[in-house]
N, C-alpha and C. Protein backbone atom coordinates (compact mmCIF):
# COMPACT_ATOMS: atom_id res chain seq x y z
N MET A 1 -46.10 -61.58 -23.83
CA MET A 1 -47.33 -62.13 -23.31
C MET A 1 -47.63 -61.51 -21.96
N ARG A 2 -48.87 -61.15 -21.73
CA ARG A 2 -49.26 -60.53 -20.47
C ARG A 2 -49.29 -61.58 -19.35
N ALA A 3 -48.85 -61.17 -18.18
CA ALA A 3 -48.86 -62.09 -17.03
C ALA A 3 -50.28 -62.40 -16.59
N ASP A 4 -51.10 -61.38 -16.53
CA ASP A 4 -52.49 -61.57 -16.10
C ASP A 4 -53.41 -60.93 -17.13
N PRO A 5 -54.13 -61.75 -17.94
CA PRO A 5 -55.00 -61.15 -18.95
C PRO A 5 -56.00 -60.20 -18.30
N PRO A 6 -56.14 -59.00 -18.84
CA PRO A 6 -56.99 -58.00 -18.22
C PRO A 6 -58.48 -58.29 -18.30
N GLY A 7 -58.89 -59.15 -19.22
CA GLY A 7 -60.31 -59.48 -19.35
C GLY A 7 -61.09 -58.37 -20.03
N CYS A 8 -62.32 -58.67 -20.31
CA CYS A 8 -63.16 -57.71 -21.03
C CYS A 8 -63.85 -56.76 -20.07
N GLY A 9 -63.94 -57.09 -18.78
CA GLY A 9 -64.53 -56.20 -17.80
C GLY A 9 -66.01 -55.95 -18.00
N ILE A 10 -66.74 -56.94 -18.51
CA ILE A 10 -68.16 -56.73 -18.78
C ILE A 10 -68.92 -56.61 -17.47
N HIS A 11 -69.02 -57.69 -16.72
CA HIS A 11 -69.67 -57.66 -15.42
C HIS A 11 -69.37 -58.95 -14.67
N ALA A 12 -69.52 -58.91 -13.38
CA ALA A 12 -69.14 -60.04 -12.54
C ALA A 12 -70.10 -61.23 -12.64
N THR A 13 -71.29 -61.02 -13.15
CA THR A 13 -72.27 -62.11 -13.17
C THR A 13 -72.45 -62.75 -14.55
N ARG A 14 -71.50 -62.53 -15.46
CA ARG A 14 -71.65 -63.13 -16.79
C ARG A 14 -71.61 -64.66 -16.69
N PRO A 15 -72.24 -65.35 -17.65
CA PRO A 15 -72.30 -66.82 -17.59
C PRO A 15 -70.91 -67.45 -17.63
N GLY A 16 -70.83 -68.65 -17.10
CA GLY A 16 -69.57 -69.38 -17.05
C GLY A 16 -68.94 -69.58 -18.42
N ILE A 17 -69.75 -69.83 -19.44
CA ILE A 17 -69.20 -70.02 -20.78
C ILE A 17 -68.48 -68.76 -21.25
N CYS A 18 -68.99 -67.61 -20.87
CA CYS A 18 -68.34 -66.35 -21.23
C CYS A 18 -67.04 -66.18 -20.45
N ARG A 19 -67.05 -66.60 -19.21
CA ARG A 19 -65.85 -66.49 -18.39
C ARG A 19 -64.72 -67.37 -18.92
N ARG A 20 -65.08 -68.53 -19.46
CA ARG A 20 -64.07 -69.48 -19.95
C ARG A 20 -63.56 -69.14 -21.35
N TYR A 21 -64.31 -68.37 -22.12
CA TYR A 21 -63.92 -68.06 -23.49
C TYR A 21 -62.68 -67.18 -23.52
N ARG A 22 -61.73 -67.52 -24.37
CA ARG A 22 -60.48 -66.77 -24.48
C ARG A 22 -60.20 -66.47 -25.95
N CYS A 23 -60.43 -65.24 -26.39
CA CYS A 23 -60.09 -64.85 -27.76
C CYS A 23 -58.57 -64.71 -27.86
N LEU A 24 -58.05 -64.49 -29.05
CA LEU A 24 -56.60 -64.36 -29.22
C LEU A 24 -56.03 -63.22 -28.40
N TRP A 25 -56.78 -62.13 -28.26
CA TRP A 25 -56.27 -61.00 -27.48
C TRP A 25 -56.15 -61.38 -26.00
N LEU A 26 -57.18 -62.04 -25.46
CA LEU A 26 -57.12 -62.45 -24.05
C LEU A 26 -56.00 -63.47 -23.81
N GLU A 27 -55.69 -64.26 -24.82
CA GLU A 27 -54.60 -65.23 -24.69
C GLU A 27 -53.23 -64.57 -24.83
N GLY A 28 -53.20 -63.27 -25.14
CA GLY A 28 -51.93 -62.56 -25.27
C GLY A 28 -51.25 -62.78 -26.61
N LYS A 29 -51.98 -63.23 -27.62
CA LYS A 29 -51.38 -63.53 -28.92
C LYS A 29 -51.54 -62.39 -29.93
N LEU A 30 -52.16 -61.31 -29.50
CA LEU A 30 -52.27 -60.10 -30.31
C LEU A 30 -51.69 -58.95 -29.51
N ASP A 31 -51.39 -57.86 -30.19
CA ASP A 31 -50.82 -56.69 -29.53
C ASP A 31 -51.84 -56.04 -28.60
N GLU A 32 -51.35 -55.26 -27.66
CA GLU A 32 -52.21 -54.57 -26.69
C GLU A 32 -53.27 -53.70 -27.38
N GLU A 33 -52.88 -53.04 -28.49
CA GLU A 33 -53.84 -52.18 -29.18
C GLU A 33 -54.88 -52.97 -29.99
N ASP A 34 -54.76 -54.29 -30.02
CA ASP A 34 -55.71 -55.14 -30.74
C ASP A 34 -56.87 -55.60 -29.86
N ARG A 35 -57.08 -54.91 -28.76
CA ARG A 35 -58.19 -55.23 -27.88
C ARG A 35 -59.49 -55.18 -28.69
N PRO A 36 -60.39 -56.15 -28.53
CA PRO A 36 -61.60 -56.23 -29.35
C PRO A 36 -62.42 -54.94 -29.44
N ASP A 37 -62.56 -54.21 -28.34
CA ASP A 37 -63.36 -52.99 -28.42
C ASP A 37 -62.68 -51.91 -29.25
N ARG A 38 -61.35 -51.96 -29.35
CA ARG A 38 -60.63 -51.00 -30.19
C ARG A 38 -60.63 -51.42 -31.66
N LEU A 39 -60.56 -52.73 -31.90
CA LEU A 39 -60.57 -53.25 -33.27
C LEU A 39 -61.96 -53.20 -33.89
N GLY A 40 -62.97 -53.33 -33.06
CA GLY A 40 -64.33 -53.43 -33.57
C GLY A 40 -64.67 -54.85 -33.97
N ALA A 41 -63.89 -55.81 -33.46
CA ALA A 41 -64.10 -57.22 -33.79
C ALA A 41 -63.37 -58.10 -32.78
N VAL A 42 -63.86 -59.33 -32.65
CA VAL A 42 -63.20 -60.35 -31.85
C VAL A 42 -62.47 -61.26 -32.83
N VAL A 43 -61.20 -61.53 -32.54
CA VAL A 43 -60.37 -62.36 -33.42
C VAL A 43 -60.01 -63.63 -32.66
N ASP A 44 -60.19 -64.77 -33.32
CA ASP A 44 -59.92 -66.04 -32.66
C ASP A 44 -59.56 -67.11 -33.67
N LEU A 45 -58.84 -68.12 -33.24
CA LEU A 45 -58.58 -69.30 -34.06
C LEU A 45 -59.66 -70.32 -33.75
N MET A 46 -60.23 -70.91 -34.78
CA MET A 46 -61.31 -71.88 -34.61
C MET A 46 -61.03 -73.09 -35.49
N SER A 47 -61.74 -74.17 -35.20
CA SER A 47 -61.69 -75.35 -36.04
C SER A 47 -63.12 -75.69 -36.44
N GLN A 48 -63.32 -75.93 -37.73
CA GLN A 48 -64.64 -76.28 -38.22
C GLN A 48 -64.46 -77.44 -39.19
N ALA A 49 -65.12 -78.54 -38.88
CA ALA A 49 -65.00 -79.76 -39.69
C ALA A 49 -63.53 -80.17 -39.83
N GLY A 50 -62.76 -79.99 -38.76
CA GLY A 50 -61.37 -80.40 -38.76
C GLY A 50 -60.41 -79.46 -39.47
N VAL A 51 -60.90 -78.30 -39.94
CA VAL A 51 -60.07 -77.34 -40.64
C VAL A 51 -59.91 -76.10 -39.76
N ALA A 52 -58.65 -75.74 -39.48
CA ALA A 52 -58.38 -74.55 -38.67
C ALA A 52 -58.58 -73.30 -39.53
N HIS A 53 -59.10 -72.25 -38.91
CA HIS A 53 -59.22 -70.97 -39.59
C HIS A 53 -59.22 -69.85 -38.56
N LEU A 54 -58.87 -68.67 -39.03
CA LEU A 54 -58.95 -67.48 -38.19
C LEU A 54 -60.36 -66.93 -38.35
N LEU A 55 -61.00 -66.61 -37.26
CA LEU A 55 -62.35 -66.06 -37.29
C LEU A 55 -62.32 -64.62 -36.82
N ILE A 56 -62.83 -63.73 -37.65
CA ILE A 56 -62.98 -62.32 -37.28
C ILE A 56 -64.48 -62.07 -37.20
N ARG A 57 -64.98 -61.84 -35.99
CA ARG A 57 -66.40 -61.53 -35.78
C ARG A 57 -66.51 -60.02 -35.60
N GLU A 58 -67.05 -59.37 -36.63
CA GLU A 58 -67.14 -57.92 -36.63
C GLU A 58 -68.29 -57.44 -35.76
N ALA A 59 -68.03 -56.44 -34.90
CA ALA A 59 -69.09 -55.84 -34.09
C ALA A 59 -70.05 -55.05 -34.98
N GLU A 60 -69.52 -54.49 -36.07
CA GLU A 60 -70.33 -53.79 -37.06
C GLU A 60 -69.92 -54.29 -38.43
N PRO A 61 -70.90 -54.54 -39.31
CA PRO A 61 -70.55 -55.01 -40.66
C PRO A 61 -69.57 -54.06 -41.34
N GLY A 62 -68.57 -54.63 -41.99
CA GLY A 62 -67.58 -53.82 -42.70
C GLY A 62 -66.42 -53.34 -41.87
N ALA A 63 -66.35 -53.74 -40.60
CA ALA A 63 -65.26 -53.27 -39.73
C ALA A 63 -63.90 -53.64 -40.29
N THR A 64 -63.77 -54.82 -40.89
CA THR A 64 -62.48 -55.25 -41.44
C THR A 64 -62.06 -54.33 -42.58
N GLY A 65 -62.99 -53.93 -43.41
CA GLY A 65 -62.68 -53.03 -44.51
C GLY A 65 -62.26 -51.64 -44.05
N ARG A 66 -62.80 -51.19 -42.92
CA ARG A 66 -62.50 -49.85 -42.41
C ARG A 66 -61.26 -49.81 -41.53
N SER A 67 -60.84 -50.95 -40.98
CA SER A 67 -59.75 -50.96 -40.02
C SER A 67 -58.45 -51.47 -40.65
N PRO A 68 -57.45 -50.60 -40.79
CA PRO A 68 -56.17 -51.07 -41.33
C PRO A 68 -55.57 -52.18 -40.46
N ARG A 69 -55.77 -52.11 -39.15
CA ARG A 69 -55.19 -53.13 -38.27
C ARG A 69 -55.87 -54.49 -38.47
N LEU A 70 -57.20 -54.52 -38.60
CA LEU A 70 -57.89 -55.79 -38.86
C LEU A 70 -57.46 -56.37 -40.20
N ARG A 71 -57.31 -55.51 -41.21
CA ARG A 71 -56.86 -55.99 -42.52
C ARG A 71 -55.45 -56.58 -42.41
N ALA A 72 -54.58 -55.93 -41.63
CA ALA A 72 -53.21 -56.43 -41.46
C ALA A 72 -53.21 -57.80 -40.76
N ILE A 73 -54.06 -57.95 -39.75
CA ILE A 73 -54.15 -59.25 -39.06
C ILE A 73 -54.65 -60.31 -40.03
N ALA A 74 -55.68 -60.00 -40.80
CA ALA A 74 -56.23 -60.96 -41.77
C ALA A 74 -55.16 -61.34 -42.80
N GLU A 75 -54.43 -60.37 -43.32
CA GLU A 75 -53.39 -60.65 -44.31
C GLU A 75 -52.28 -61.50 -43.73
N ARG A 76 -51.93 -61.26 -42.46
CA ARG A 76 -50.86 -62.03 -41.82
C ARG A 76 -51.23 -63.50 -41.72
N PHE A 77 -52.51 -63.80 -41.48
CA PHE A 77 -52.93 -65.18 -41.29
C PHE A 77 -53.38 -65.88 -42.57
N ARG A 78 -53.91 -65.17 -43.56
CA ARG A 78 -54.60 -65.81 -44.69
C ARG A 78 -53.71 -66.69 -45.55
N GLU A 79 -52.40 -66.49 -45.54
CA GLU A 79 -51.52 -67.37 -46.30
C GLU A 79 -51.34 -68.72 -45.61
N ALA A 80 -51.59 -68.78 -44.31
CA ALA A 80 -51.42 -70.03 -43.56
C ALA A 80 -52.75 -70.76 -43.33
N VAL A 81 -53.80 -70.00 -43.02
CA VAL A 81 -55.11 -70.59 -42.76
C VAL A 81 -56.19 -69.70 -43.36
N PRO A 82 -57.34 -70.26 -43.73
CA PRO A 82 -58.43 -69.41 -44.21
C PRO A 82 -58.86 -68.44 -43.11
N VAL A 83 -59.27 -67.26 -43.51
CA VAL A 83 -59.74 -66.24 -42.58
C VAL A 83 -61.22 -66.03 -42.86
N ARG A 84 -62.04 -66.32 -41.86
CA ARG A 84 -63.49 -66.17 -42.01
C ARG A 84 -63.91 -64.87 -41.34
N VAL A 85 -64.59 -64.01 -42.09
CA VAL A 85 -65.04 -62.71 -41.58
C VAL A 85 -66.57 -62.76 -41.53
N ALA A 86 -67.12 -62.58 -40.33
CA ALA A 86 -68.57 -62.67 -40.16
C ALA A 86 -69.05 -61.60 -39.20
N ASP A 87 -70.33 -61.33 -39.23
CA ASP A 87 -70.96 -60.36 -38.35
C ASP A 87 -71.21 -61.02 -37.00
N ALA A 88 -70.76 -60.41 -35.93
CA ALA A 88 -70.92 -60.98 -34.59
C ALA A 88 -72.39 -61.15 -34.22
N ARG A 89 -73.26 -60.29 -34.77
CA ARG A 89 -74.68 -60.39 -34.44
C ARG A 89 -75.31 -61.66 -35.01
N ASP A 90 -74.64 -62.29 -35.97
CA ASP A 90 -75.16 -63.50 -36.59
C ASP A 90 -74.46 -64.76 -36.07
N ALA A 91 -73.83 -64.67 -34.91
CA ALA A 91 -73.01 -65.78 -34.41
C ALA A 91 -73.78 -67.09 -34.26
N THR A 92 -75.05 -67.04 -33.97
CA THR A 92 -75.82 -68.28 -33.77
C THR A 92 -76.55 -68.72 -35.04
N ASP A 93 -76.40 -67.99 -36.12
CA ASP A 93 -77.08 -68.34 -37.38
C ASP A 93 -76.10 -69.01 -38.33
N PRO A 94 -76.19 -70.34 -38.51
CA PRO A 94 -75.24 -71.04 -39.37
C PRO A 94 -75.39 -70.66 -40.84
N ASP A 95 -76.50 -70.05 -41.22
CA ASP A 95 -76.71 -69.66 -42.61
C ASP A 95 -76.41 -68.19 -42.88
N ALA A 96 -75.87 -67.50 -41.90
CA ALA A 96 -75.56 -66.08 -42.07
C ALA A 96 -74.44 -65.92 -43.10
N PRO A 97 -74.47 -64.85 -43.88
CA PRO A 97 -73.41 -64.64 -44.87
C PRO A 97 -72.06 -64.41 -44.21
N PHE A 98 -71.00 -64.79 -44.91
CA PHE A 98 -69.64 -64.56 -44.42
C PHE A 98 -68.69 -64.46 -45.60
N ARG A 99 -67.51 -63.96 -45.31
CA ARG A 99 -66.44 -63.89 -46.30
C ARG A 99 -65.34 -64.83 -45.87
N LEU A 100 -64.70 -65.48 -46.83
CA LEU A 100 -63.59 -66.38 -46.55
C LEU A 100 -62.40 -65.89 -47.35
N LEU A 101 -61.38 -65.40 -46.65
CA LEU A 101 -60.18 -64.88 -47.28
C LEU A 101 -59.15 -66.00 -47.36
N LEU A 102 -58.69 -66.30 -48.57
CA LEU A 102 -57.80 -67.43 -48.80
C LEU A 102 -56.44 -66.95 -49.31
N ALA A 103 -55.49 -67.86 -49.32
CA ALA A 103 -54.16 -67.55 -49.83
C ALA A 103 -54.24 -67.11 -51.29
N GLY A 104 -53.26 -66.36 -51.72
CA GLY A 104 -53.19 -65.92 -53.11
C GLY A 104 -54.16 -64.82 -53.45
N GLY A 105 -54.72 -64.14 -52.45
CA GLY A 105 -55.63 -63.04 -52.71
C GLY A 105 -57.03 -63.44 -53.12
N VAL A 106 -57.39 -64.71 -52.92
CA VAL A 106 -58.71 -65.20 -53.28
C VAL A 106 -59.68 -64.93 -52.12
N GLU A 107 -60.89 -64.49 -52.46
CA GLU A 107 -61.93 -64.26 -51.45
C GLU A 107 -63.20 -64.95 -51.91
N ARG A 108 -63.82 -65.69 -51.00
CA ARG A 108 -65.13 -66.29 -51.28
C ARG A 108 -66.15 -65.60 -50.41
N ARG A 109 -67.25 -65.20 -51.02
CA ARG A 109 -68.37 -64.62 -50.30
C ARG A 109 -69.49 -65.63 -50.35
N VAL A 110 -69.92 -66.07 -49.17
CA VAL A 110 -70.94 -67.11 -49.07
C VAL A 110 -72.19 -66.50 -48.46
N ALA A 111 -73.31 -66.65 -49.16
CA ALA A 111 -74.61 -66.18 -48.68
C ALA A 111 -75.60 -67.30 -48.94
N GLY A 112 -76.03 -67.96 -47.88
CA GLY A 112 -76.91 -69.12 -48.04
C GLY A 112 -76.15 -70.22 -48.78
N ASP A 113 -76.69 -70.67 -49.90
CA ASP A 113 -75.99 -71.70 -50.67
C ASP A 113 -75.33 -71.14 -51.92
N HIS A 114 -75.21 -69.81 -52.00
CA HIS A 114 -74.56 -69.16 -53.14
C HIS A 114 -73.15 -68.72 -52.76
N VAL A 115 -72.20 -69.02 -53.65
CA VAL A 115 -70.80 -68.69 -53.43
C VAL A 115 -70.29 -67.85 -54.59
N THR A 116 -69.70 -66.70 -54.27
CA THR A 116 -69.08 -65.85 -55.27
C THR A 116 -67.60 -65.79 -54.95
N GLU A 117 -66.76 -66.09 -55.93
CA GLU A 117 -65.32 -66.06 -55.71
C GLU A 117 -64.74 -64.82 -56.40
N TRP A 118 -63.90 -64.11 -55.66
CA TRP A 118 -63.29 -62.87 -56.12
C TRP A 118 -61.77 -63.02 -56.12
N LYS A 119 -61.13 -62.31 -57.02
CA LYS A 119 -59.67 -62.20 -57.02
C LYS A 119 -59.32 -60.86 -57.64
N ALA A 120 -58.45 -60.14 -57.00
CA ALA A 120 -58.02 -58.81 -57.46
C ALA A 120 -59.21 -57.88 -57.70
N GLY A 121 -60.22 -57.98 -56.82
CA GLY A 121 -61.36 -57.09 -56.89
C GLY A 121 -62.37 -57.41 -57.98
N GLU A 122 -62.21 -58.55 -58.65
CA GLU A 122 -63.14 -58.94 -59.71
C GLU A 122 -63.75 -60.31 -59.43
N VAL A 123 -65.00 -60.48 -59.87
CA VAL A 123 -65.67 -61.77 -59.71
C VAL A 123 -65.03 -62.77 -60.67
N VAL A 124 -64.60 -63.91 -60.10
CA VAL A 124 -63.98 -64.96 -60.89
C VAL A 124 -65.02 -66.03 -61.23
N SER A 125 -65.87 -66.35 -60.24
CA SER A 125 -66.90 -67.36 -60.49
C SER A 125 -68.05 -67.17 -59.51
N GLU A 126 -69.21 -67.68 -59.90
CA GLU A 126 -70.39 -67.71 -59.05
C GLU A 126 -71.03 -69.08 -59.21
N HIS A 127 -71.40 -69.68 -58.08
CA HIS A 127 -72.05 -70.98 -58.14
C HIS A 127 -72.80 -71.27 -56.85
N ARG A 128 -73.59 -72.31 -56.88
CA ARG A 128 -74.27 -72.79 -55.68
C ARG A 128 -73.42 -73.89 -55.07
N LEU A 129 -73.59 -74.08 -53.78
CA LEU A 129 -72.92 -75.21 -53.15
C LEU A 129 -73.42 -76.49 -53.80
N PRO A 130 -72.58 -77.53 -53.83
CA PRO A 130 -73.04 -78.82 -54.35
C PRO A 130 -74.25 -79.32 -53.58
N ALA A 131 -75.07 -80.15 -54.22
CA ALA A 131 -76.32 -80.64 -53.64
C ALA A 131 -76.10 -81.29 -52.28
N PHE A 132 -75.06 -82.09 -52.13
CA PHE A 132 -74.84 -82.75 -50.84
C PHE A 132 -74.55 -81.72 -49.75
N GLU A 133 -73.74 -80.70 -50.05
CA GLU A 133 -73.44 -79.67 -49.05
C GLU A 133 -74.68 -78.88 -48.68
N ARG A 134 -75.56 -78.59 -49.66
CA ARG A 134 -76.81 -77.89 -49.36
C ARG A 134 -77.67 -78.74 -48.44
N PHE A 135 -77.75 -80.04 -48.72
CA PHE A 135 -78.53 -80.96 -47.87
C PHE A 135 -77.93 -81.01 -46.47
N ALA A 136 -76.61 -81.14 -46.37
CA ALA A 136 -75.95 -81.21 -45.07
C ALA A 136 -76.17 -79.92 -44.27
N ARG A 137 -76.15 -78.76 -44.92
CA ARG A 137 -76.41 -77.49 -44.23
C ARG A 137 -77.83 -77.46 -43.66
N ARG A 138 -78.80 -77.92 -44.45
CA ARG A 138 -80.18 -77.94 -43.96
C ARG A 138 -80.32 -78.86 -42.75
N VAL A 139 -79.70 -80.04 -42.80
CA VAL A 139 -79.76 -80.98 -41.68
C VAL A 139 -79.11 -80.36 -40.45
N ARG A 140 -77.91 -79.79 -40.62
CA ARG A 140 -77.22 -79.15 -39.48
C ARG A 140 -78.05 -78.02 -38.90
N SER A 141 -78.65 -77.21 -39.77
CA SER A 141 -79.46 -76.09 -39.31
C SER A 141 -80.66 -76.57 -38.50
N ARG A 142 -81.34 -77.58 -38.98
CA ARG A 142 -82.49 -78.11 -38.24
C ARG A 142 -82.06 -78.75 -36.93
N TRP A 143 -80.94 -79.45 -36.95
CA TRP A 143 -80.41 -80.07 -35.73
C TRP A 143 -80.09 -79.00 -34.69
N ARG A 144 -79.41 -77.93 -35.10
CA ARG A 144 -79.08 -76.84 -34.17
C ARG A 144 -80.35 -76.19 -33.62
N ALA A 145 -81.31 -75.95 -34.49
CA ALA A 145 -82.58 -75.34 -34.05
C ALA A 145 -83.27 -76.23 -33.03
N TRP A 146 -83.26 -77.53 -33.27
CA TRP A 146 -83.89 -78.46 -32.34
C TRP A 146 -83.16 -78.45 -31.00
N ARG A 147 -81.82 -78.44 -31.02
CA ARG A 147 -81.03 -78.44 -29.78
C ARG A 147 -81.17 -77.13 -29.01
N GLN A 148 -81.39 -76.02 -29.71
CA GLN A 148 -81.45 -74.72 -29.06
C GLN A 148 -82.87 -74.29 -28.71
N ARG A 149 -83.85 -75.09 -29.00
CA ARG A 149 -85.24 -74.68 -28.83
C ARG A 149 -85.54 -74.24 -27.40
N ASP A 150 -85.02 -74.92 -26.40
CA ASP A 150 -85.28 -74.54 -25.01
C ASP A 150 -84.56 -73.24 -24.63
N TYR A 151 -83.35 -73.03 -25.19
CA TYR A 151 -82.58 -71.83 -24.87
C TYR A 151 -83.17 -70.59 -25.51
N LEU A 152 -83.73 -70.77 -26.70
CA LEU A 152 -84.24 -69.62 -27.44
C LEU A 152 -85.69 -69.32 -27.16
N GLY A 153 -86.33 -70.15 -26.34
CA GLY A 153 -87.71 -69.90 -25.95
C GLY A 153 -88.73 -70.19 -27.03
N ASN A 154 -88.37 -71.05 -27.99
CA ASN A 154 -89.33 -71.38 -29.03
C ASN A 154 -89.56 -72.89 -29.11
N ASP A 155 -89.70 -73.50 -27.96
CA ASP A 155 -89.96 -74.94 -27.89
C ASP A 155 -91.31 -75.23 -28.53
N PRO A 156 -91.33 -76.08 -29.57
CA PRO A 156 -92.58 -76.33 -30.29
C PRO A 156 -93.59 -77.16 -29.51
N ARG A 157 -93.24 -77.69 -28.33
CA ARG A 157 -94.19 -78.52 -27.56
C ARG A 157 -95.32 -77.74 -27.01
C-alpha cells in the first residue's frame, strides 16, 4: 500500500466531491500499473440496492475487451461479486447500457429494459425486465432528472 496516494493530478480547483472520491487505485488496492489513465478505466467497489459489485467505468467503449489487465481484474473479482462494466461517459444516465459479469462465466448485457444473457460466447436467453422493475426504473429516472434539473441547467420552471 502506498504511504501517500499520488492522486490523479487533474487540477487544484476541482470540486470537493472529486477531491473526496477514492477509486481502488487511489486507495492502494490495485497495482501501480493499474492507474486509471493506463488502464483506460476507473475501477471501484460500489453498492447498489444493498448489493456490492465491482464497477469498471471505461474511458472508451470496449476498453475491457482490449486490455488484458482489465480482463484479469474483472476475472479476479467476478467469482466473488458481480462486475459491472459501463461507459464512463454515461455515468449520469441510469438507463445507459452496461454489462454484468457474473460467476461461472455468465454475462448479462442490459440495454434499457432488455436483458441478454451470454455464456461461453453464446446467447443463452433474451428477455425484458419484469414489469415492476421497468416501472421502478422509470420512477428512479424521473426522480433523478427532477433532482438534477438545477445542476444540468434544464429547470422546467
